[in-house]
Amino acid sequence: MAWVLTEEAFSKLLESLDPDREQAGEKYEDLRRTLVRFFEWRGTPAPEEHVDETLNRVARRLDEGQVISNFGGYCYGVARLVFMESLKGREREIISLEDADPRALVAAEDAGDAAAEEERRLECLEECLRKLPNESQELIMEYYQDERRDKIDRRKALAERLGIPRLALGNRAQRLRDKLAQCVKSCFTKKKGDMN
C-alpha cells in the first residue's frame, strides 16, 4: 500500500524547519520555491509534482523516525534522486519507430546518454562526499545551501559557529570543493572506463 502524507507527518516536517509554527510555515514556502526552481532549471515537465514527491519522501522518513541533521542538504539529496528517477521514467517512454522523426530519436538517445552521464556524476559526488570527514561533509553541504540573502546569513552563522572569519570559511569551502571536484573527476573517469 502506498504511503500517504498524514497531518502528523506534515507537522514533523514543519518542526524540522523551525519549532515556531509560523516561522516553519515561511521556511516551508521558501523551501518549496527553491525546490521548484531546482526542478525547473533541470527542465522537468512537472516541477510542482516533483517537489510534492520530494517533500513527501522527506516527511515519510521523519515519520519513520529518521533523524536529519542537515535538513536542507537532505532535501536537496532527495530532490536529486527524484530528478534522476524522472529521467529514467522519460527514457522508458516507448516511441513507435515508424511514427518517430529520426531527429527526435537521435535527440532522445542523446538525452538518455546525458541522463546516464549525469547519474554517474551524481553517484561519484555522493561517493566522494562520503569519503570526507563528517564535519567537512556538513560544512560543504551547509556552505552551498540556500540562495541570495539566506545564503549570506547561513554562511555568516556558520563562520560564527566555527569561530573563524568568513573569508577563512570561504577558503576552507573552496579547498573542500576543489578536493571534491578532483575526486568526482577521477571517479567519473573510472566509471566511464568501466562502461567501455
C-alpha atoms as a PDB file:
ATOM      1  CA  MET A   1       0.000   0.000   0.000  1.00  0.00           C
ATOM      2  CA  ALA A   2       1.355   3.454  -0.911  1.00  0.00           C
ATOM      3  CA  TRP A   3       2.353   5.783   1.905  1.00  0.00           C
ATOM      4  CA  VAL A   4       0.079   8.810   2.306  1.00  0.00           C
ATOM      5  CA  LEU A   5       1.129  12.099   3.897  1.00  0.00           C
ATOM      6  CA  THR A   6      -0.615  12.452   7.256  1.00  0.00           C
ATOM      7  CA  GLU A   7      -1.157  15.572   9.326  1.00  0.00           C
ATOM      8  CA  GLU A   8       1.258  14.169  11.931  1.00  0.00           C
ATOM      9  CA  ALA A   9       3.975  13.556   9.318  1.00  0.00           C
ATOM     10  CA  PHE A  10       3.494  17.053   7.899  1.00  0.00           C
ATOM     11  CA  SER A  11       3.776  18.511  11.429  1.00  0.00           C
ATOM     12  CA  LYS A  12       7.099  16.677  11.896  1.00  0.00           C
ATOM     13  CA  LEU A  13       8.283  18.148   8.613  1.00  0.00           C
ATOM     14  CA  LEU A  14       7.381  21.666   9.770  1.00  0.00           C
ATOM     15  CA  GLU A  15       9.005  21.100  13.174  1.00  0.00           C
ATOM     16  CA  SER A  16      12.220  20.133  11.407  1.00  0.00           C
ATOM     17  CA  LEU A  17      12.221  23.523   9.711  1.00  0.00           C
ATOM     18  CA  ASP A  18      11.530  25.572  12.846  1.00  0.00           C
ATOM     19  CA  PRO A  19       9.954  24.971  16.273  1.00  0.00           C
ATOM     20  CA  ASP A  20       7.835  28.106  15.798  1.00  0.00           C
ATOM     21  CA  ARG A  21       4.862  27.109  13.618  1.00  0.00           C
ATOM     22  CA  GLU A  22       4.631  30.462  11.819  1.00  0.00           C
ATOM     23  CA  GLN A  23       8.378  30.566  11.060  1.00  0.00           C
ATOM     24  CA  ALA A  24       8.189  26.929   9.962  1.00  0.00           C
ATOM     25  CA  GLY A  25       5.415  27.819   7.506  1.00  0.00           C
ATOM     26  CA  GLU A  26       7.506  30.590   5.967  1.00  0.00           C
ATOM     27  CA  LYS A  27      10.565  28.347   5.721  1.00  0.00           C
ATOM     28  CA  TYR A  28       8.415  25.626   4.157  1.00  0.00           C
ATOM     29  CA  GLU A  29       7.238  28.038   1.456  1.00  0.00           C
ATOM     30  CA  ASP A  30      10.832  29.177   0.840  1.00  0.00           C
ATOM     31  CA  LEU A  31      11.952  25.558   0.560  1.00  0.00           C
ATOM     32  CA  ARG A  32       9.121  24.787  -1.881  1.00  0.00           C
ATOM     33  CA  ARG A  33      10.058  27.751  -4.094  1.00  0.00           C
ATOM     34  CA  THR A  34      13.726  26.729  -4.061  1.00  0.00           C
ATOM     35  CA  LEU A  35      12.884  23.139  -4.967  1.00  0.00           C
ATOM     36  CA  VAL A  36      10.526  24.264  -7.745  1.00  0.00           C
ATOM     37  CA  ARG A  37      13.426  26.268  -9.229  1.00  0.00           C
ATOM     38  CA  PHE A  38      15.697  23.239  -8.798  1.00  0.00           C
ATOM     39  CA  PHE A  39      13.352  21.154 -10.977  1.00  0.00           C
ATOM     40  CA  GLU A  40      12.544  23.971 -13.423  1.00  0.00           C
ATOM     41  CA  TRP A  41      16.233  24.607 -14.113  1.00  0.00           C
ATOM     42  CA  ARG A  42      16.622  20.935 -14.967  1.00  0.00           C
ATOM     43  CA  GLY A  43      13.732  21.089 -17.420  1.00  0.00           C
ATOM     44  CA  THR A  44      11.380  18.688 -15.669  1.00  0.00           C
ATOM     45  CA  PRO A  45       7.876  18.759 -17.149  1.00  0.00           C
ATOM     46  CA  ALA A  46       6.028  18.910 -13.790  1.00  0.00           C
ATOM     47  CA  PRO A  47       8.231  20.655 -11.196  1.00  0.00           C
ATOM     48  CA  GLU A  48       5.424  21.087  -8.632  1.00  0.00           C
ATOM     49  CA  GLU A  49       4.682  17.342  -8.669  1.00  0.00           C
ATOM     50  CA  HIS A  50       8.372  16.555  -8.187  1.00  0.00           C
ATOM     51  CA  VAL A  51       8.528  18.979  -5.257  1.00  0.00           C
ATOM     52  CA  ASP A  52       5.499  17.282  -3.671  1.00  0.00           C
ATOM     53  CA  GLU A  53       7.152  13.882  -4.141  1.00  0.00           C
ATOM     54  CA  THR A  54      10.404  15.174  -2.626  1.00  0.00           C
ATOM     55  CA  LEU A  55       8.725  16.671   0.440  1.00  0.00           C
ATOM     56  CA  ASN A  56       6.502  13.608   0.888  1.00  0.00           C
ATOM     57  CA  ARG A  57       9.588  11.367   0.934  1.00  0.00           C
ATOM     58  CA  VAL A  58      11.296  13.600   3.482  1.00  0.00           C
ATOM     59  CA  ALA A  59       8.129  13.664   5.626  1.00  0.00           C
ATOM     60  CA  ARG A  60       7.892   9.877   5.399  1.00  0.00           C
ATOM     61  CA  ARG A  61      11.484   9.452   6.612  1.00  0.00           C
ATOM     62  CA  LEU A  62      10.797  11.825   9.523  1.00  0.00           C
ATOM     63  CA  ASP A  63       7.580   9.948  10.321  1.00  0.00           C
ATOM     64  CA  GLU A  64       9.574   6.698  10.385  1.00  0.00           C
ATOM     65  CA  GLY A  65      11.902   8.220  12.990  1.00  0.00           C
ATOM     66  CA  GLN A  66      14.827   9.252  10.788  1.00  0.00           C
ATOM     67  CA  VAL A  67      16.968  11.946  12.415  1.00  0.00           C
ATOM     68  CA  ILE A  68      18.058  14.523   9.837  1.00  0.00           C
ATOM     69  CA  SER A  69      20.882  16.792  10.959  1.00  0.00           C
ATOM     70  CA  ASN A  70      21.292  18.838   7.762  1.00  0.00           C
ATOM     71  CA  PHE A  71      17.685  19.290   6.689  1.00  0.00           C
ATOM     72  CA  GLY A  72      18.297  21.464   3.615  1.00  0.00           C
ATOM     73  CA  GLY A  73      21.071  19.216   2.319  1.00  0.00           C
ATOM     74  CA  TYR A  74      18.910  16.151   2.870  1.00  0.00           C
ATOM     75  CA  CYS A  75      16.021  17.725   0.913  1.00  0.00           C
ATOM     76  CA  TYR A  76      18.359  18.548  -1.980  1.00  0.00           C
ATOM     77  CA  GLY A  77      19.653  14.977  -1.947  1.00  0.00           C
ATOM     78  CA  VAL A  78      16.105  13.607  -2.148  1.00  0.00           C
ATOM     79  CA  ALA A  79      15.275  16.122  -4.909  1.00  0.00           C
ATOM     80  CA  ARG A  80      18.272  14.896  -6.928  1.00  0.00           C
ATOM     81  CA  LEU A  81      17.043  11.299  -6.580  1.00  0.00           C
ATOM     82  CA  VAL A  82      13.518  12.277  -7.636  1.00  0.00           C
ATOM     83  CA  PHE A  83      15.001  14.118 -10.625  1.00  0.00           C
ATOM     84  CA  MET A  84      17.120  11.119 -11.649  1.00  0.00           C
ATOM     85  CA  GLU A  85      14.094   8.835 -11.350  1.00  0.00           C
ATOM     86  CA  SER A  86      12.100  11.192 -13.572  1.00  0.00           C
ATOM     87  CA  LEU A  87      14.833  10.959 -16.217  1.00  0.00           C
ATOM     88  CA  LYS A  88      14.695   7.179 -16.108  1.00  0.00           C
ATOM     89  CA  GLY A  89      10.924   7.360 -16.479  1.00  0.00           C
ATOM     90  CA  ARG A  90      11.275   9.517 -19.585  1.00  0.00           C
ATOM     91  CA  GLU A  91      13.803   7.092 -21.065  1.00  0.00           C
ATOM     92  CA  ARG A  92      11.263   4.283 -20.715  1.00  0.00           C
ATOM     93  CA  GLU A  93       8.627   6.024 -22.791  1.00  0.00           C
ATOM     94  CA  ILE A  94       8.024   3.902 -25.851  1.00  0.00           C
ATOM     95  CA  ILE A  95       8.277   5.630 -29.197  1.00  0.00           C
ATOM     96  CA  SER A  96       6.873   3.991 -32.291  1.00  0.00           C
ATOM     97  CA  LEU A  97       9.779   3.762 -34.738  1.00  0.00           C
ATOM     98  CA  GLU A  98       7.540   4.196 -37.783  1.00  0.00           C
ATOM     99  CA  ASP A  99       5.963   7.375 -36.400  1.00  0.00           C
ATOM    100  CA  ALA A 100       9.079   8.897 -34.888  1.00  0.00           C
ATOM    101  CA  ASP A 101      11.080  11.617 -36.561  1.00  0.00           C
ATOM    102  CA  PRO A 102      14.699  10.348 -36.890  1.00  0.00           C
ATOM    103  CA  ARG A 103      15.951  13.650 -35.432  1.00  0.00           C
ATOM    104  CA  ALA A 104      13.762  13.075 -32.367  1.00  0.00           C
ATOM    105  CA  LEU A 105      15.219   9.583 -31.941  1.00  0.00           C
ATOM    106  CA  VAL A 106      18.758  10.979 -32.038  1.00  0.00           C
ATOM    107  CA  ALA A 107      17.772  13.710 -29.555  1.00  0.00           C
ATOM    108  CA  ALA A 108      16.163  11.110 -27.259  1.00  0.00           C
ATOM    109  CA  GLU A 109      19.279   8.957 -27.426  1.00  0.00           C
ATOM    110  CA  ASP A 110      21.471  11.985 -26.643  1.00  0.00           C
ATOM    111  CA  ALA A 111      19.182  12.887 -23.727  1.00  0.00           C
ATOM    112  CA  GLY A 112      19.416   9.322 -22.422  1.00  0.00           C
ATOM    113  CA  ASP A 113      23.211   9.431 -22.662  1.00  0.00           C
ATOM    114  CA  ALA A 114      23.267  12.797 -20.897  1.00  0.00           C
ATOM    115  CA  ALA A 115      20.963  11.472 -18.151  1.00  0.00           C
ATOM    116  CA  ALA A 116      23.151   8.402 -17.643  1.00  0.00           C
ATOM    117  CA  GLU A 117      26.241  10.612 -17.527  1.00  0.00           C
ATOM    118  CA  GLU A 118      24.582  12.949 -15.011  1.00  0.00           C
ATOM    119  CA  GLU A 119      23.577   9.959 -12.890  1.00  0.00           C
ATOM    120  CA  ARG A 120      27.185   8.670 -12.864  1.00  0.00           C
ATOM    121  CA  ARG A 121      28.416  12.144 -11.861  1.00  0.00           C
ATOM    122  CA  LEU A 122      25.886  12.290  -9.000  1.00  0.00           C
ATOM    123  CA  GLU A 123      26.917   8.797  -7.855  1.00  0.00           C
ATOM    124  CA  CYS A 124      30.539   9.955  -7.870  1.00  0.00           C
ATOM    125  CA  LEU A 125      29.677  13.115  -5.929  1.00  0.00           C
ATOM    126  CA  GLU A 126      27.847  11.070  -3.296  1.00  0.00           C
ATOM    127  CA  GLU A 127      30.786   8.616  -3.056  1.00  0.00           C
ATOM    128  CA  CYS A 128      33.257  11.479  -2.726  1.00  0.00           C
ATOM    129  CA  LEU A 129      31.139  13.251  -0.105  1.00  0.00           C
ATOM    130  CA  ARG A 130      31.012  10.030   1.953  1.00  0.00           C
ATOM    131  CA  LYS A 131      34.825   9.898   1.923  1.00  0.00           C
ATOM    132  CA  LEU A 132      35.049  13.295   3.635  1.00  0.00           C
ATOM    133  CA  PRO A 133      35.044  13.527   7.439  1.00  0.00           C
ATOM    134  CA  ASN A 134      31.579  14.268   8.859  1.00  0.00           C
ATOM    135  CA  GLU A 135      32.443  17.857   9.783  1.00  0.00           C
ATOM    136  CA  SER A 136      33.701  18.520   6.233  1.00  0.00           C
ATOM    137  CA  GLN A 137      30.541  16.979   4.743  1.00  0.00           C
ATOM    138  CA  GLU A 138      28.369  19.204   6.911  1.00  0.00           C
ATOM    139  CA  LEU A 139      30.452  22.296   6.138  1.00  0.00           C
ATOM    140  CA  ILE A 140      30.329  21.871   2.354  1.00  0.00           C
ATOM    141  CA  MET A 141      26.614  20.995   2.302  1.00  0.00           C
ATOM    142  CA  GLU A 142      25.703  23.922   4.531  1.00  0.00           C
ATOM    143  CA  TYR A 143      28.022  26.373   2.764  1.00  0.00           C
ATOM    144  CA  TYR A 144      26.465  25.808  -0.691  1.00  0.00           C
ATOM    145  CA  GLN A 145      22.887  25.618   0.531  1.00  0.00           C
ATOM    146  CA  ASP A 146      20.261  28.326   0.021  1.00  0.00           C
ATOM    147  CA  GLU A 147      20.259  31.358  -2.257  1.00  0.00           C
ATOM    148  CA  ARG A 148      20.764  35.104  -2.101  1.00  0.00           C
ATOM    149  CA  ARG A 149      20.198  36.600   1.353  1.00  0.00           C
ATOM    150  CA  ASP A 150      19.600  33.220   3.019  1.00  0.00           C
ATOM    151  CA  LYS A 151      22.967  32.012   1.735  1.00  0.00           C
ATOM    152  CA  ILE A 152      24.747  35.075   3.139  1.00  0.00           C
ATOM    153  CA  ASP A 153      23.023  34.712   6.523  1.00  0.00           C
ATOM    154  CA  ARG A 154      23.769  30.976   6.663  1.00  0.00           C
ATOM    155  CA  ARG A 155      27.442  31.487   5.830  1.00  0.00           C
ATOM    156  CA  LYS A 156      27.769  34.236   8.445  1.00  0.00           C
ATOM    157  CA  ALA A 157      26.183  31.976  11.093  1.00  0.00           C
ATOM    158  CA  LEU A 158      28.390  29.056  10.024  1.00  0.00           C
ATOM    159  CA  ALA A 159      31.551  31.165  10.344  1.00  0.00           C
ATOM    160  CA  GLU A 160      30.447  32.364  13.800  1.00  0.00           C
ATOM    161  CA  ARG A 161      29.647  28.805  14.896  1.00  0.00           C
ATOM    162  CA  LEU A 162      33.081  27.605  13.753  1.00  0.00           C
ATOM    163  CA  GLY A 163      34.765  30.652  15.293  1.00  0.00           C
ATOM    164  CA  ILE A 164      36.540  31.683  12.088  1.00  0.00           C
ATOM    165  CA  PRO A 165      36.352  34.763   9.822  1.00  0.00           C
ATOM    166  CA  ARG A 166      34.000  34.495   6.824  1.00  0.00           C
ATOM    167  CA  LEU A 167      36.950  34.782   4.439  1.00  0.00           C
ATOM    168  CA  ALA A 168      38.629  31.792   6.112  1.00  0.00           C
ATOM    169  CA  LEU A 169      35.342  29.885   5.836  1.00  0.00           C
ATOM    170  CA  GLY A 170      35.184  30.702   2.120  1.00  0.00           C
ATOM    171  CA  ASN A 171      38.763  29.499   1.644  1.00  0.00           C
ATOM    172  CA  ARG A 172      38.053  26.283   3.543  1.00  0.00           C
ATOM    173  CA  ALA A 173      34.912  25.659   1.476  1.00  0.00           C
ATOM    174  CA  GLN A 174      36.840  26.331  -1.764  1.00  0.00           C
ATOM    175  CA  ARG A 175      39.566  23.830  -0.781  1.00  0.00           C
ATOM    176  CA  LEU A 176      36.901  21.220   0.001  1.00  0.00           C
ATOM    177  CA  ARG A 177      35.137  21.981  -3.284  1.00  0.00           C
ATOM    178  CA  ASP A 178      38.413  21.599  -5.217  1.00  0.00           C
ATOM    179  CA  LYS A 179      39.106  18.317  -3.433  1.00  0.00           C
ATOM    180  CA  LEU A 180      35.596  17.086  -4.270  1.00  0.00           C
ATOM    181  CA  ALA A 181      35.950  18.184  -7.901  1.00  0.00           C
ATOM    182  CA  GLN A 182      39.191  16.174  -8.262  1.00  0.00           C
ATOM    183  CA  CYS A 183      37.615  13.154  -6.597  1.00  0.00           C
ATOM    184  CA  VAL A 184      34.497  13.346  -8.800  1.00  0.00           C
ATOM    185  CA  LYS A 185      36.605  13.748 -11.948  1.00  0.00           C
ATOM    186  CA  SER A 186      38.721  10.723 -11.049  1.00  0.00           C
ATOM    187  CA  CYS A 187      35.674   8.629 -10.092  1.00  0.00           C
ATOM    188  CA  PHE A 188      33.767   9.650 -13.232  1.00  0.00           C
ATOM    189  CA  THR A 189      36.728   8.797 -15.491  1.00  0.00           C
ATOM    190  CA  LYS A 190      36.964   5.382 -13.816  1.00  0.00           C
ATOM    191  CA  LYS A 191      33.205   4.723 -14.157  1.00  0.00           C
ATOM    192  CA  LYS A 192      33.302   5.829 -17.802  1.00  0.00           C
ATOM    193  CA  GLY A 193      36.235   3.437 -18.394  1.00  0.00           C
ATOM    194  CA  ASP A 194      34.319   0.592 -16.722  1.00  0.00           C
ATOM    195  CA  MET A 195      31.389   1.205 -19.103  1.00  0.00           C
ATOM    196  CA  ASN A 196      33.584   0.773 -22.213  1.00  0.00           C
END
